[in-house]
């Protein structure tokens, strides 16, 4: 795929959704960090239901520690892997208090040192909470990047590296949200909805479906 085609793809995605954002509910960087940590193998809808309960009693690292492991589990037990997620949330809150003055750090190294935080989660926090033009590659973005020919790669790291090289600078800040939403609602896994896709004529997928 050439640079002109990539530019037009993002131009159209921007026209369709000028101000994209995450579908997770959050008001502070700590709430976003908690929500993203809970989103592994869970839907955003499910996470939002859980955090609606959790954030009523634990919106800060101190409140999370005070709630304790059993209390955290009680509020997130509707989510997959909730036992392990609860342990990570408690340890994360403790580390934020001990090493970061109870604030979420804005560096990748510090974020990835927190329990339960990997590169993808760190990228989401950097991009969405702190406005850093990085791209977090999840299953949706991996699929869209490979299927369309936008930024092919054998794994998420390859796709991330490729996207960071080829996405035009003016689109880089919002590229993560445009691609994830496109993969979630249009370029879906089983049968992409090519017939209603705003970038169908620019996409290089060979097996397009008229839906």
N, C-alpha and C. Protein backbone atom coordinates (compact mmCIF):
# COMPACT_ATOMS: atom_id res chain seq x y z
N UNK A 1 0.84 -1.19 0.00
CA UNK A 1 0.00 0.00 0.00
C UNK A 1 0.88 1.25 0.00
N UNK A 2 0.56 2.21 -0.86
CA UNK A 2 1.39 3.41 -0.95
C UNK A 2 0.94 4.49 0.03
N UNK A 3 1.77 5.50 0.16
CA UNK A 3 1.54 6.55 1.16
C UNK A 3 0.26 7.34 0.86
N UNK A 4 -0.03 7.58 -0.41
CA UNK A 4 -1.23 8.34 -0.77
C UNK A 4 -2.49 7.61 -0.33
N UNK A 5 -2.50 6.31 -0.54
CA UNK A 5 -3.67 5.52 -0.16
C UNK A 5 -3.84 5.51 1.36
N UNK A 6 -2.74 5.38 2.08
CA UNK A 6 -2.82 5.41 3.54
C UNK A 6 -3.37 6.75 4.02
N UNK A 7 -2.90 7.81 3.41
CA UNK A 7 -3.37 9.14 3.81
C UNK A 7 -4.88 9.26 3.60
N UNK A 8 -5.35 8.79 2.46
CA UNK A 8 -6.79 8.89 2.16
C UNK A 8 -7.62 8.02 3.11
N UNK A 9 -7.07 6.89 3.52
CA UNK A 9 -7.77 6.04 4.48
C UNK A 9 -8.02 6.80 5.78
N UNK A 10 -6.97 7.40 6.32
CA UNK A 10 -7.13 8.13 7.58
C UNK A 10 -7.93 9.41 7.40
N UNK A 11 -7.86 10.01 6.24
CA UNK A 11 -8.66 11.19 5.96
C UNK A 11 -10.15 10.85 6.05
N UNK A 12 -10.51 9.71 5.50
CA UNK A 12 -11.91 9.29 5.54
C UNK A 12 -12.34 8.88 6.95
N UNK A 13 -11.46 8.16 7.65
CA UNK A 13 -11.80 7.77 9.02
C UNK A 13 -11.98 9.00 9.90
N UNK A 14 -11.18 10.02 9.67
CA UNK A 14 -11.31 11.27 10.43
C UNK A 14 -12.62 11.98 10.07
N UNK A 15 -12.96 11.99 8.80
CA UNK A 15 -14.20 12.66 8.38
C UNK A 15 -15.41 11.97 9.00
N UNK A 16 -15.33 10.65 9.11
CA UNK A 16 -16.44 9.87 9.68
C UNK A 16 -16.53 10.05 11.19
N UNK A 17 -15.39 10.24 11.85
CA UNK A 17 -15.35 10.34 13.31
C UNK A 17 -14.23 11.31 13.70
N UNK A 18 -14.52 12.61 13.71
CA UNK A 18 -13.46 13.61 13.91
C UNK A 18 -12.77 13.56 15.26
N UNK A 19 -13.48 13.12 16.30
CA UNK A 19 -12.90 13.10 17.64
C UNK A 19 -13.10 11.73 18.29
N UNK A 20 -12.35 10.72 17.81
CA UNK A 20 -12.53 9.37 18.36
C UNK A 20 -11.93 9.27 19.75
N UNK A 21 -12.49 8.38 20.55
CA UNK A 21 -11.93 8.15 21.88
C UNK A 21 -12.25 6.73 22.32
N UNK A 22 -11.72 6.34 23.45
CA UNK A 22 -11.97 5.00 23.97
C UNK A 22 -13.42 4.86 24.39
N UNK A 23 -13.92 3.64 24.35
CA UNK A 23 -15.28 3.38 24.81
C UNK A 23 -15.30 2.97 26.28
N UNK A 24 -14.15 2.95 26.91
CA UNK A 24 -14.08 2.71 28.35
C UNK A 24 -14.44 4.00 29.09
N UNK A 25 -15.16 3.87 30.20
CA UNK A 25 -15.53 5.03 31.01
C UNK A 25 -14.42 5.37 31.99
N UNK A 26 -13.99 6.63 31.99
CA UNK A 26 -12.93 7.06 32.91
C UNK A 26 -12.95 8.58 33.05
N UNK A 27 -12.46 9.07 34.17
CA UNK A 27 -12.37 10.52 34.38
C UNK A 27 -10.96 10.94 34.81
N UNK A 28 -10.15 10.01 35.28
CA UNK A 28 -8.78 10.32 35.70
C UNK A 28 -7.83 9.28 35.10
N UNK A 29 -6.54 9.59 35.00
CA UNK A 29 -5.59 8.59 34.50
C UNK A 29 -5.62 7.30 35.31
N UNK A 30 -5.84 7.39 36.63
CA UNK A 30 -5.90 6.17 37.43
C UNK A 30 -7.11 5.32 37.04
N UNK A 31 -8.25 5.96 36.84
CA UNK A 31 -9.44 5.20 36.42
C UNK A 31 -9.22 4.55 35.06
N UNK A 32 -8.58 5.28 34.14
CA UNK A 32 -8.29 4.69 32.83
C UNK A 32 -7.35 3.51 32.97
N UNK A 33 -6.33 3.64 33.80
CA UNK A 33 -5.38 2.55 34.01
C UNK A 33 -6.09 1.32 34.55
N UNK A 34 -6.97 1.51 35.50
CA UNK A 34 -7.73 0.40 36.06
C UNK A 34 -8.62 -0.23 34.99
N UNK A 35 -9.32 0.60 34.24
CA UNK A 35 -10.25 0.08 33.22
C UNK A 35 -9.51 -0.71 32.14
N UNK A 36 -8.37 -0.19 31.68
CA UNK A 36 -7.61 -0.89 30.65
C UNK A 36 -7.05 -2.20 31.20
N UNK A 37 -6.59 -2.18 32.45
CA UNK A 37 -6.08 -3.40 33.06
C UNK A 37 -7.17 -4.47 33.17
N UNK A 38 -8.39 -4.03 33.35
CA UNK A 38 -9.51 -4.98 33.47
C UNK A 38 -10.03 -5.46 32.12
N UNK A 39 -9.62 -4.81 31.03
CA UNK A 39 -10.24 -5.08 29.73
C UNK A 39 -9.71 -6.33 29.03
N UNK A 40 -8.64 -6.91 29.54
CA UNK A 40 -8.11 -8.13 28.91
C UNK A 40 -9.16 -9.24 28.94
N UNK A 41 -9.45 -9.79 27.77
CA UNK A 41 -10.43 -10.87 27.63
C UNK A 41 -11.78 -10.49 28.20
N UNK A 42 -12.12 -9.21 28.12
CA UNK A 42 -13.43 -8.72 28.54
C UNK A 42 -13.86 -7.63 27.58
N UNK A 43 -15.16 -7.44 27.43
CA UNK A 43 -15.65 -6.38 26.55
C UNK A 43 -15.65 -5.05 27.29
N UNK A 44 -15.59 -3.96 26.52
CA UNK A 44 -15.65 -2.64 27.15
C UNK A 44 -16.97 -2.45 27.90
N UNK A 45 -18.05 -3.00 27.36
CA UNK A 45 -19.35 -2.90 28.03
C UNK A 45 -19.28 -3.58 29.39
N UNK A 46 -18.70 -4.77 29.43
CA UNK A 46 -18.57 -5.50 30.69
C UNK A 46 -17.68 -4.77 31.68
N UNK A 47 -16.58 -4.22 31.18
CA UNK A 47 -15.66 -3.47 32.04
C UNK A 47 -16.36 -2.24 32.61
N UNK A 48 -17.11 -1.53 31.78
CA UNK A 48 -17.79 -0.32 32.25
C UNK A 48 -18.82 -0.64 33.33
N UNK A 49 -19.47 -1.77 33.23
CA UNK A 49 -20.42 -2.16 34.28
C UNK A 49 -19.69 -2.44 35.58
N UNK A 50 -18.54 -3.09 35.48
CA UNK A 50 -17.76 -3.41 36.68
C UNK A 50 -17.16 -2.15 37.31
N UNK A 51 -16.61 -1.27 36.47
CA UNK A 51 -15.98 -0.07 37.03
C UNK A 51 -17.01 0.92 37.57
N UNK A 52 -18.23 0.86 37.04
CA UNK A 52 -19.29 1.72 37.59
C UNK A 52 -19.50 1.39 39.07
N UNK A 53 -19.37 0.11 39.41
CA UNK A 53 -19.49 -0.31 40.81
C UNK A 53 -18.20 0.00 41.57
N UNK A 54 -17.07 -0.34 40.96
CA UNK A 54 -15.78 -0.21 41.62
C UNK A 54 -15.43 1.24 41.92
N UNK A 55 -15.67 2.13 40.96
CA UNK A 55 -15.25 3.52 41.13
C UNK A 55 -16.11 4.28 42.14
N UNK A 56 -17.24 3.72 42.52
CA UNK A 56 -18.04 4.35 43.57
C UNK A 56 -17.33 4.28 44.92
N UNK A 57 -16.47 3.27 45.06
CA UNK A 57 -15.80 3.07 46.36
C UNK A 57 -14.28 3.16 46.26
N UNK A 58 -13.73 3.12 45.04
CA UNK A 58 -12.27 3.12 44.90
C UNK A 58 -11.86 3.86 43.64
N UNK A 59 -11.70 5.18 43.77
CA UNK A 59 -11.31 6.01 42.62
C UNK A 59 -9.86 6.49 42.72
N UNK A 60 -9.18 6.09 43.78
CA UNK A 60 -7.78 6.48 43.99
C UNK A 60 -6.99 5.25 44.42
N UNK A 61 -5.68 5.28 44.29
CA UNK A 61 -4.87 4.15 44.76
C UNK A 61 -5.09 3.86 46.25
N UNK A 62 -5.21 4.91 47.07
CA UNK A 62 -5.42 4.70 48.51
C UNK A 62 -6.74 3.98 48.76
N UNK A 63 -7.79 4.40 48.07
CA UNK A 63 -9.10 3.76 48.25
C UNK A 63 -9.08 2.32 47.76
N UNK A 64 -8.30 2.05 46.71
CA UNK A 64 -8.19 0.69 46.20
C UNK A 64 -7.51 -0.21 47.23
N UNK A 65 -6.45 0.29 47.85
CA UNK A 65 -5.75 -0.47 48.88
C UNK A 65 -6.66 -0.69 50.08
N UNK A 66 -7.40 0.33 50.46
CA UNK A 66 -8.31 0.21 51.59
C UNK A 66 -9.42 -0.80 51.32
N UNK A 67 -9.86 -0.86 50.07
CA UNK A 67 -10.90 -1.83 49.70
C UNK A 67 -10.41 -3.24 49.89
N UNK A 68 -9.14 -3.48 49.59
CA UNK A 68 -8.54 -4.79 49.82
C UNK A 68 -8.86 -5.79 48.73
N UNK A 69 -8.13 -6.90 48.75
CA UNK A 69 -8.25 -7.90 47.69
C UNK A 69 -9.66 -8.46 47.57
N UNK A 70 -10.25 -8.87 48.67
CA UNK A 70 -11.60 -9.46 48.62
C UNK A 70 -12.62 -8.43 48.14
N UNK A 71 -12.46 -7.19 48.58
CA UNK A 71 -13.38 -6.15 48.16
C UNK A 71 -13.29 -5.86 46.67
N UNK A 72 -12.06 -5.85 46.15
CA UNK A 72 -11.87 -5.64 44.72
C UNK A 72 -12.51 -6.78 43.93
N UNK A 73 -12.26 -8.00 44.38
CA UNK A 73 -12.84 -9.17 43.70
C UNK A 73 -14.35 -9.08 43.64
N UNK A 74 -14.96 -8.64 44.72
CA UNK A 74 -16.42 -8.57 44.78
C UNK A 74 -16.98 -7.63 43.72
N UNK A 75 -16.24 -6.57 43.43
CA UNK A 75 -16.73 -5.59 42.47
C UNK A 75 -16.44 -5.95 41.02
N UNK A 76 -15.48 -6.85 40.77
CA UNK A 76 -15.12 -7.16 39.38
C UNK A 76 -15.33 -8.63 39.03
N UNK A 77 -16.05 -9.36 39.88
CA UNK A 77 -16.17 -10.81 39.68
C UNK A 77 -16.94 -11.18 38.40
N UNK A 78 -17.62 -10.22 37.77
CA UNK A 78 -18.32 -10.49 36.52
C UNK A 78 -17.36 -10.58 35.33
N UNK A 79 -16.11 -10.20 35.56
CA UNK A 79 -15.13 -10.19 34.47
C UNK A 79 -14.29 -11.46 34.46
N UNK A 80 -13.83 -11.84 33.28
CA UNK A 80 -12.94 -12.98 33.18
C UNK A 80 -11.62 -12.71 33.88
N UNK A 81 -11.04 -13.75 34.44
CA UNK A 81 -9.75 -13.66 35.13
C UNK A 81 -9.78 -12.68 36.30
N UNK A 82 -10.95 -12.54 36.95
CA UNK A 82 -11.08 -11.49 37.97
C UNK A 82 -10.17 -11.70 39.17
N UNK A 83 -9.85 -12.94 39.50
CA UNK A 83 -8.96 -13.18 40.64
C UNK A 83 -7.57 -12.58 40.40
N UNK A 84 -7.02 -12.87 39.24
CA UNK A 84 -5.69 -12.36 38.90
C UNK A 84 -5.72 -10.84 38.70
N UNK A 85 -6.80 -10.35 38.08
CA UNK A 85 -6.93 -8.92 37.86
C UNK A 85 -7.01 -8.17 39.19
N UNK A 86 -7.70 -8.74 40.15
CA UNK A 86 -7.82 -8.10 41.47
C UNK A 86 -6.45 -8.01 42.15
N UNK A 87 -5.67 -9.07 42.05
CA UNK A 87 -4.32 -9.06 42.63
C UNK A 87 -3.47 -7.97 41.99
N UNK A 88 -3.57 -7.85 40.66
CA UNK A 88 -2.79 -6.83 39.95
C UNK A 88 -3.23 -5.42 40.32
N UNK A 89 -4.55 -5.21 40.46
CA UNK A 89 -5.03 -3.88 40.81
C UNK A 89 -4.53 -3.46 42.19
N UNK A 90 -4.56 -4.40 43.13
CA UNK A 90 -4.09 -4.09 44.48
C UNK A 90 -2.60 -3.77 44.48
N UNK A 91 -1.82 -4.62 43.81
CA UNK A 91 -0.37 -4.41 43.75
C UNK A 91 -0.03 -3.13 42.99
N UNK A 92 -0.79 -2.85 41.94
CA UNK A 92 -0.59 -1.63 41.16
C UNK A 92 -0.82 -0.39 42.03
N UNK A 93 -1.92 -0.40 42.78
CA UNK A 93 -2.23 0.72 43.65
C UNK A 93 -1.15 0.91 44.71
N UNK A 94 -0.67 -0.18 45.26
CA UNK A 94 0.39 -0.10 46.27
C UNK A 94 1.66 0.50 45.70
N UNK A 95 2.00 0.11 44.47
CA UNK A 95 3.21 0.65 43.85
C UNK A 95 3.07 2.13 43.49
N UNK A 96 1.87 2.52 43.07
CA UNK A 96 1.65 3.93 42.75
C UNK A 96 1.81 4.79 44.00
N UNK A 97 1.33 4.29 45.13
CA UNK A 97 1.46 5.02 46.39
C UNK A 97 2.93 5.08 46.81
N UNK A 98 3.61 3.94 46.72
CA UNK A 98 4.97 3.83 47.23
C UNK A 98 6.01 4.54 46.36
N UNK A 99 5.81 4.51 45.04
CA UNK A 99 6.86 4.99 44.14
C UNK A 99 6.49 6.19 43.27
N UNK A 100 5.20 6.54 43.20
CA UNK A 100 4.79 7.60 42.27
C UNK A 100 3.87 8.63 42.90
N UNK A 101 3.92 8.74 44.21
CA UNK A 101 3.11 9.75 44.91
C UNK A 101 1.64 9.63 44.54
N UNK A 102 1.20 8.40 44.35
CA UNK A 102 -0.21 8.07 44.05
C UNK A 102 -0.70 8.59 42.70
N UNK A 103 0.22 8.95 41.82
CA UNK A 103 -0.17 9.41 40.49
C UNK A 103 0.30 8.41 39.43
N UNK A 104 -0.41 8.38 38.32
CA UNK A 104 -0.05 7.48 37.22
C UNK A 104 1.12 8.10 36.46
N UNK A 105 2.23 7.39 36.31
CA UNK A 105 3.39 7.96 35.60
C UNK A 105 3.11 8.12 34.11
N UNK A 106 3.82 9.05 33.49
CA UNK A 106 3.62 9.30 32.06
C UNK A 106 4.80 8.84 31.21
N UNK A 107 5.54 7.85 31.73
CA UNK A 107 6.63 7.26 30.94
C UNK A 107 6.36 5.78 30.73
N UNK A 108 6.76 5.30 29.55
CA UNK A 108 6.53 3.89 29.24
C UNK A 108 7.23 2.96 30.23
N UNK A 109 8.47 3.27 30.56
CA UNK A 109 9.23 2.40 31.46
C UNK A 109 8.55 2.28 32.81
N UNK A 110 8.09 3.39 33.36
CA UNK A 110 7.44 3.36 34.66
C UNK A 110 6.09 2.65 34.60
N UNK A 111 5.37 2.85 33.53
CA UNK A 111 4.07 2.19 33.38
C UNK A 111 4.24 0.67 33.27
N UNK A 112 5.19 0.24 32.44
CA UNK A 112 5.37 -1.20 32.24
C UNK A 112 5.95 -1.89 33.46
N UNK A 113 6.47 -1.12 34.42
CA UNK A 113 6.96 -1.71 35.66
C UNK A 113 5.83 -1.99 36.65
N UNK A 114 4.63 -1.49 36.36
CA UNK A 114 3.49 -1.72 37.24
C UNK A 114 2.91 -3.11 37.01
N UNK A 115 2.42 -3.76 38.06
CA UNK A 115 1.83 -5.10 37.92
C UNK A 115 0.67 -5.11 36.94
N UNK A 116 0.68 -6.07 36.02
CA UNK A 116 -0.42 -6.23 35.08
C UNK A 116 -0.40 -5.27 33.91
N UNK A 117 0.66 -4.46 33.79
CA UNK A 117 0.73 -3.48 32.71
C UNK A 117 1.79 -3.90 31.70
N UNK A 118 1.35 -4.22 30.48
CA UNK A 118 2.27 -4.55 29.41
C UNK A 118 2.37 -3.41 28.42
N UNK A 119 2.99 -3.66 27.31
CA UNK A 119 3.23 -2.60 26.32
C UNK A 119 1.93 -2.03 25.78
N UNK A 120 0.94 -2.89 25.48
CA UNK A 120 -0.32 -2.41 24.92
C UNK A 120 -1.03 -1.48 25.90
N UNK A 121 -1.12 -1.91 27.17
CA UNK A 121 -1.78 -1.08 28.18
C UNK A 121 -1.04 0.25 28.35
N UNK A 122 0.29 0.18 28.39
CA UNK A 122 1.08 1.41 28.53
C UNK A 122 0.82 2.36 27.37
N UNK A 123 0.73 1.82 26.16
CA UNK A 123 0.46 2.65 25.00
C UNK A 123 -0.90 3.33 25.08
N UNK A 124 -1.91 2.60 25.55
CA UNK A 124 -3.24 3.18 25.69
C UNK A 124 -3.21 4.35 26.68
N UNK A 125 -2.54 4.16 27.81
CA UNK A 125 -2.47 5.21 28.82
C UNK A 125 -1.71 6.42 28.27
N UNK A 126 -0.57 6.18 27.64
CA UNK A 126 0.23 7.27 27.09
C UNK A 126 -0.57 8.06 26.05
N UNK A 127 -1.29 7.35 25.19
CA UNK A 127 -2.04 8.00 24.13
C UNK A 127 -3.28 8.71 24.65
N UNK A 128 -4.09 8.00 25.42
CA UNK A 128 -5.41 8.51 25.78
C UNK A 128 -5.38 9.46 26.98
N UNK A 129 -4.55 9.16 27.96
CA UNK A 129 -4.49 10.01 29.16
C UNK A 129 -3.50 11.17 29.01
N UNK A 130 -2.41 10.93 28.25
CA UNK A 130 -1.34 11.94 28.21
C UNK A 130 -1.08 12.53 26.82
N UNK A 131 -1.85 12.10 25.82
CA UNK A 131 -1.74 12.70 24.51
C UNK A 131 -0.47 12.40 23.75
N UNK A 132 0.16 11.26 24.04
CA UNK A 132 1.37 10.86 23.33
C UNK A 132 0.97 10.12 22.04
N UNK A 133 1.51 10.48 20.88
CA UNK A 133 1.09 9.86 19.62
C UNK A 133 1.69 8.47 19.42
N UNK A 134 1.22 7.53 20.21
CA UNK A 134 1.63 6.13 20.07
C UNK A 134 0.40 5.30 19.71
N UNK A 135 0.62 4.08 19.26
CA UNK A 135 -0.48 3.23 18.79
C UNK A 135 -0.43 1.90 19.53
N UNK A 136 -1.48 1.60 20.26
CA UNK A 136 -1.58 0.33 20.98
C UNK A 136 -2.25 -0.69 20.06
N UNK A 137 -1.58 -1.78 19.79
CA UNK A 137 -2.11 -2.77 18.85
C UNK A 137 -2.78 -3.91 19.61
N UNK A 138 -4.10 -4.01 19.45
CA UNK A 138 -4.85 -5.13 20.02
C UNK A 138 -5.28 -6.04 18.86
N UNK A 139 -6.15 -7.00 19.14
CA UNK A 139 -6.56 -7.95 18.10
C UNK A 139 -7.27 -7.25 16.94
N UNK A 140 -8.08 -6.22 17.24
CA UNK A 140 -8.80 -5.50 16.18
C UNK A 140 -7.83 -4.76 15.27
N UNK A 141 -6.89 -4.04 15.86
CA UNK A 141 -5.95 -3.26 15.06
C UNK A 141 -5.01 -4.18 14.28
N UNK A 142 -4.62 -5.29 14.90
CA UNK A 142 -3.78 -6.27 14.21
C UNK A 142 -4.51 -6.80 12.97
N UNK A 143 -5.79 -7.12 13.13
CA UNK A 143 -6.58 -7.65 12.02
C UNK A 143 -6.76 -6.61 10.92
N UNK A 144 -7.15 -5.40 11.28
CA UNK A 144 -7.38 -4.35 10.29
C UNK A 144 -6.09 -4.01 9.54
N UNK A 145 -4.99 -3.92 10.26
CA UNK A 145 -3.72 -3.56 9.63
C UNK A 145 -3.27 -4.60 8.62
N UNK A 146 -3.48 -5.87 8.94
CA UNK A 146 -3.10 -6.94 8.02
C UNK A 146 -4.11 -7.12 6.91
N UNK A 147 -5.38 -7.11 7.24
CA UNK A 147 -6.41 -7.38 6.23
C UNK A 147 -6.45 -6.30 5.15
N UNK A 148 -6.35 -5.06 5.55
CA UNK A 148 -6.43 -3.96 4.58
C UNK A 148 -5.14 -3.76 3.81
N UNK A 149 -4.04 -4.24 4.37
CA UNK A 149 -2.74 -3.98 3.78
C UNK A 149 -2.12 -2.70 4.29
N UNK A 150 -2.75 -2.07 5.28
CA UNK A 150 -2.26 -0.81 5.82
C UNK A 150 -0.88 -0.93 6.45
N UNK A 151 -0.72 -1.97 7.28
CA UNK A 151 0.56 -2.17 7.97
C UNK A 151 0.71 -3.63 8.35
N UNK A 152 1.02 -4.48 7.38
CA UNK A 152 1.10 -5.91 7.65
C UNK A 152 2.23 -6.26 8.62
N UNK A 153 2.00 -7.30 9.41
CA UNK A 153 3.02 -7.78 10.34
C UNK A 153 2.64 -9.13 10.89
N UNK A 154 3.64 -9.91 11.29
CA UNK A 154 3.38 -11.27 11.78
C UNK A 154 2.92 -11.29 13.23
N UNK A 155 3.21 -10.23 13.97
CA UNK A 155 2.79 -10.15 15.37
C UNK A 155 2.49 -8.69 15.71
N UNK A 156 1.98 -8.47 16.92
CA UNK A 156 1.55 -7.12 17.30
C UNK A 156 2.72 -6.13 17.32
N UNK A 157 3.89 -6.59 17.70
CA UNK A 157 5.04 -5.68 17.73
C UNK A 157 5.43 -5.23 16.33
N UNK A 158 5.40 -6.17 15.37
CA UNK A 158 5.71 -5.80 13.99
C UNK A 158 4.69 -4.81 13.45
N UNK A 159 3.42 -5.05 13.75
CA UNK A 159 2.37 -4.16 13.26
C UNK A 159 2.51 -2.78 13.90
N UNK A 160 2.80 -2.74 15.20
CA UNK A 160 2.98 -1.45 15.87
C UNK A 160 4.15 -0.66 15.25
N UNK A 161 5.27 -1.35 15.05
CA UNK A 161 6.43 -0.69 14.45
C UNK A 161 6.11 -0.16 13.07
N UNK A 162 5.39 -0.96 12.29
CA UNK A 162 5.03 -0.56 10.92
C UNK A 162 4.07 0.63 10.94
N UNK A 163 3.07 0.58 11.81
CA UNK A 163 2.11 1.68 11.90
C UNK A 163 2.80 2.99 12.28
N UNK A 164 3.72 2.90 13.23
CA UNK A 164 4.42 4.11 13.67
C UNK A 164 5.25 4.72 12.54
N UNK A 165 5.64 3.89 11.58
CA UNK A 165 6.43 4.38 10.44
C UNK A 165 5.55 4.96 9.34
N UNK A 166 4.39 4.34 9.11
CA UNK A 166 3.62 4.70 7.91
C UNK A 166 2.41 5.60 8.15
N UNK A 167 1.92 5.69 9.38
CA UNK A 167 0.77 6.56 9.63
C UNK A 167 1.24 8.02 9.58
N UNK A 168 0.62 8.84 8.75
CA UNK A 168 1.02 10.26 8.66
C UNK A 168 0.92 10.95 10.02
N UNK A 169 1.83 11.86 10.27
CA UNK A 169 1.95 12.49 11.59
C UNK A 169 0.63 13.11 12.06
N UNK A 170 -0.10 13.74 11.14
CA UNK A 170 -1.32 14.44 11.57
C UNK A 170 -2.41 13.50 12.05
N UNK A 171 -2.29 12.20 11.73
CA UNK A 171 -3.30 11.23 12.13
C UNK A 171 -2.84 10.34 13.28
N UNK A 172 -1.58 10.43 13.65
CA UNK A 172 -1.00 9.45 14.57
C UNK A 172 -1.64 9.46 15.96
N UNK A 173 -2.01 10.63 16.44
CA UNK A 173 -2.59 10.71 17.78
C UNK A 173 -3.90 9.92 17.88
N UNK A 174 -4.71 9.96 16.83
CA UNK A 174 -6.03 9.32 16.88
C UNK A 174 -6.10 7.98 16.15
N UNK A 175 -5.00 7.58 15.53
CA UNK A 175 -5.01 6.36 14.71
C UNK A 175 -5.45 5.14 15.51
N UNK A 176 -4.99 5.03 16.75
CA UNK A 176 -5.36 3.88 17.60
C UNK A 176 -6.87 3.76 17.70
N UNK A 177 -7.55 4.86 18.00
CA UNK A 177 -8.99 4.81 18.19
C UNK A 177 -9.73 4.56 16.89
N UNK A 178 -9.30 5.20 15.80
CA UNK A 178 -9.97 4.95 14.52
C UNK A 178 -9.88 3.49 14.12
N UNK A 179 -8.69 2.90 14.26
CA UNK A 179 -8.50 1.52 13.81
C UNK A 179 -9.23 0.52 14.69
N UNK A 180 -9.23 0.75 16.00
CA UNK A 180 -9.90 -0.20 16.88
C UNK A 180 -11.41 -0.15 16.67
N UNK A 181 -11.96 1.04 16.48
CA UNK A 181 -13.40 1.17 16.24
C UNK A 181 -13.77 0.58 14.88
N UNK A 182 -12.89 0.77 13.89
CA UNK A 182 -13.15 0.21 12.57
C UNK A 182 -13.16 -1.32 12.65
N UNK A 183 -12.23 -1.87 13.41
CA UNK A 183 -12.19 -3.33 13.56
C UNK A 183 -13.33 -3.88 14.40
N UNK A 184 -13.81 -3.10 15.32
CA UNK A 184 -14.87 -3.55 16.22
C UNK A 184 -16.24 -3.53 15.55
N UNK A 185 -16.47 -2.57 14.65
CA UNK A 185 -17.82 -2.40 14.11
C UNK A 185 -17.95 -2.61 12.61
N UNK A 186 -16.87 -2.51 11.86
CA UNK A 186 -16.96 -2.67 10.41
C UNK A 186 -16.10 -3.82 9.91
N UNK A 187 -14.80 -3.76 10.16
CA UNK A 187 -13.89 -4.81 9.68
C UNK A 187 -13.81 -5.92 10.72
N UNK A 188 -14.98 -6.52 10.99
CA UNK A 188 -15.08 -7.51 12.07
C UNK A 188 -14.44 -8.84 11.65
N UNK A 189 -14.20 -9.68 12.64
CA UNK A 189 -13.37 -10.87 12.42
C UNK A 189 -13.97 -11.86 11.43
N UNK A 190 -15.20 -12.27 11.65
CA UNK A 190 -15.76 -13.37 10.84
C UNK A 190 -16.14 -12.94 9.43
N UNK A 191 -16.92 -11.87 9.34
CA UNK A 191 -17.35 -11.37 8.03
C UNK A 191 -17.27 -9.86 8.01
N UNK A 192 -16.22 -9.32 7.42
CA UNK A 192 -16.12 -7.86 7.37
C UNK A 192 -17.29 -7.25 6.61
N UNK A 193 -17.77 -6.10 7.08
CA UNK A 193 -18.92 -5.44 6.47
C UNK A 193 -18.45 -4.49 5.37
N UNK A 194 -17.89 -5.09 4.33
CA UNK A 194 -17.23 -4.32 3.27
C UNK A 194 -18.21 -3.38 2.56
N UNK A 195 -19.45 -3.82 2.37
CA UNK A 195 -20.41 -3.00 1.64
C UNK A 195 -20.74 -1.69 2.31
N UNK A 196 -20.54 -1.62 3.62
CA UNK A 196 -20.84 -0.38 4.34
C UNK A 196 -19.57 0.29 4.85
N UNK A 197 -18.43 -0.11 4.29
CA UNK A 197 -17.13 0.39 4.76
C UNK A 197 -16.73 1.64 3.99
N UNK A 198 -16.35 2.66 4.72
CA UNK A 198 -16.00 3.94 4.12
C UNK A 198 -14.67 3.91 3.37
N UNK A 199 -13.87 2.86 3.61
CA UNK A 199 -12.56 2.79 2.93
C UNK A 199 -12.47 1.55 2.02
N UNK A 200 -13.62 0.99 1.64
CA UNK A 200 -13.62 -0.26 0.87
C UNK A 200 -12.80 -0.16 -0.41
N UNK A 201 -12.90 0.94 -1.13
CA UNK A 201 -12.19 1.07 -2.40
C UNK A 201 -10.69 1.27 -2.22
N UNK A 202 -10.27 1.62 -1.01
CA UNK A 202 -8.84 1.81 -0.73
C UNK A 202 -8.22 0.57 -0.11
N UNK A 203 -9.05 -0.27 0.45
CA UNK A 203 -8.59 -1.49 1.13
C UNK A 203 -8.07 -2.50 0.11
N UNK A 204 -7.02 -3.22 0.48
CA UNK A 204 -6.41 -4.19 -0.44
C UNK A 204 -6.76 -5.64 -0.11
N UNK A 205 -7.79 -5.83 0.71
CA UNK A 205 -8.25 -7.18 1.06
C UNK A 205 -8.85 -7.84 -0.18
N UNK A 206 -8.45 -9.05 -0.45
CA UNK A 206 -8.86 -9.72 -1.70
C UNK A 206 -10.25 -10.35 -1.63
N UNK A 207 -10.66 -10.75 -0.44
CA UNK A 207 -11.92 -11.49 -0.31
C UNK A 207 -13.02 -10.64 0.31
N UNK A 208 -13.30 -9.52 -0.33
CA UNK A 208 -14.28 -8.59 0.21
C UNK A 208 -15.70 -9.19 0.20
N UNK A 209 -16.46 -8.81 1.21
CA UNK A 209 -17.81 -9.34 1.40
C UNK A 209 -18.80 -8.20 1.25
N UNK A 210 -19.83 -8.39 0.46
CA UNK A 210 -20.80 -7.32 0.19
C UNK A 210 -21.85 -7.25 1.28
N UNK A 211 -21.43 -6.77 2.46
CA UNK A 211 -22.36 -6.64 3.60
C UNK A 211 -22.30 -5.22 4.13
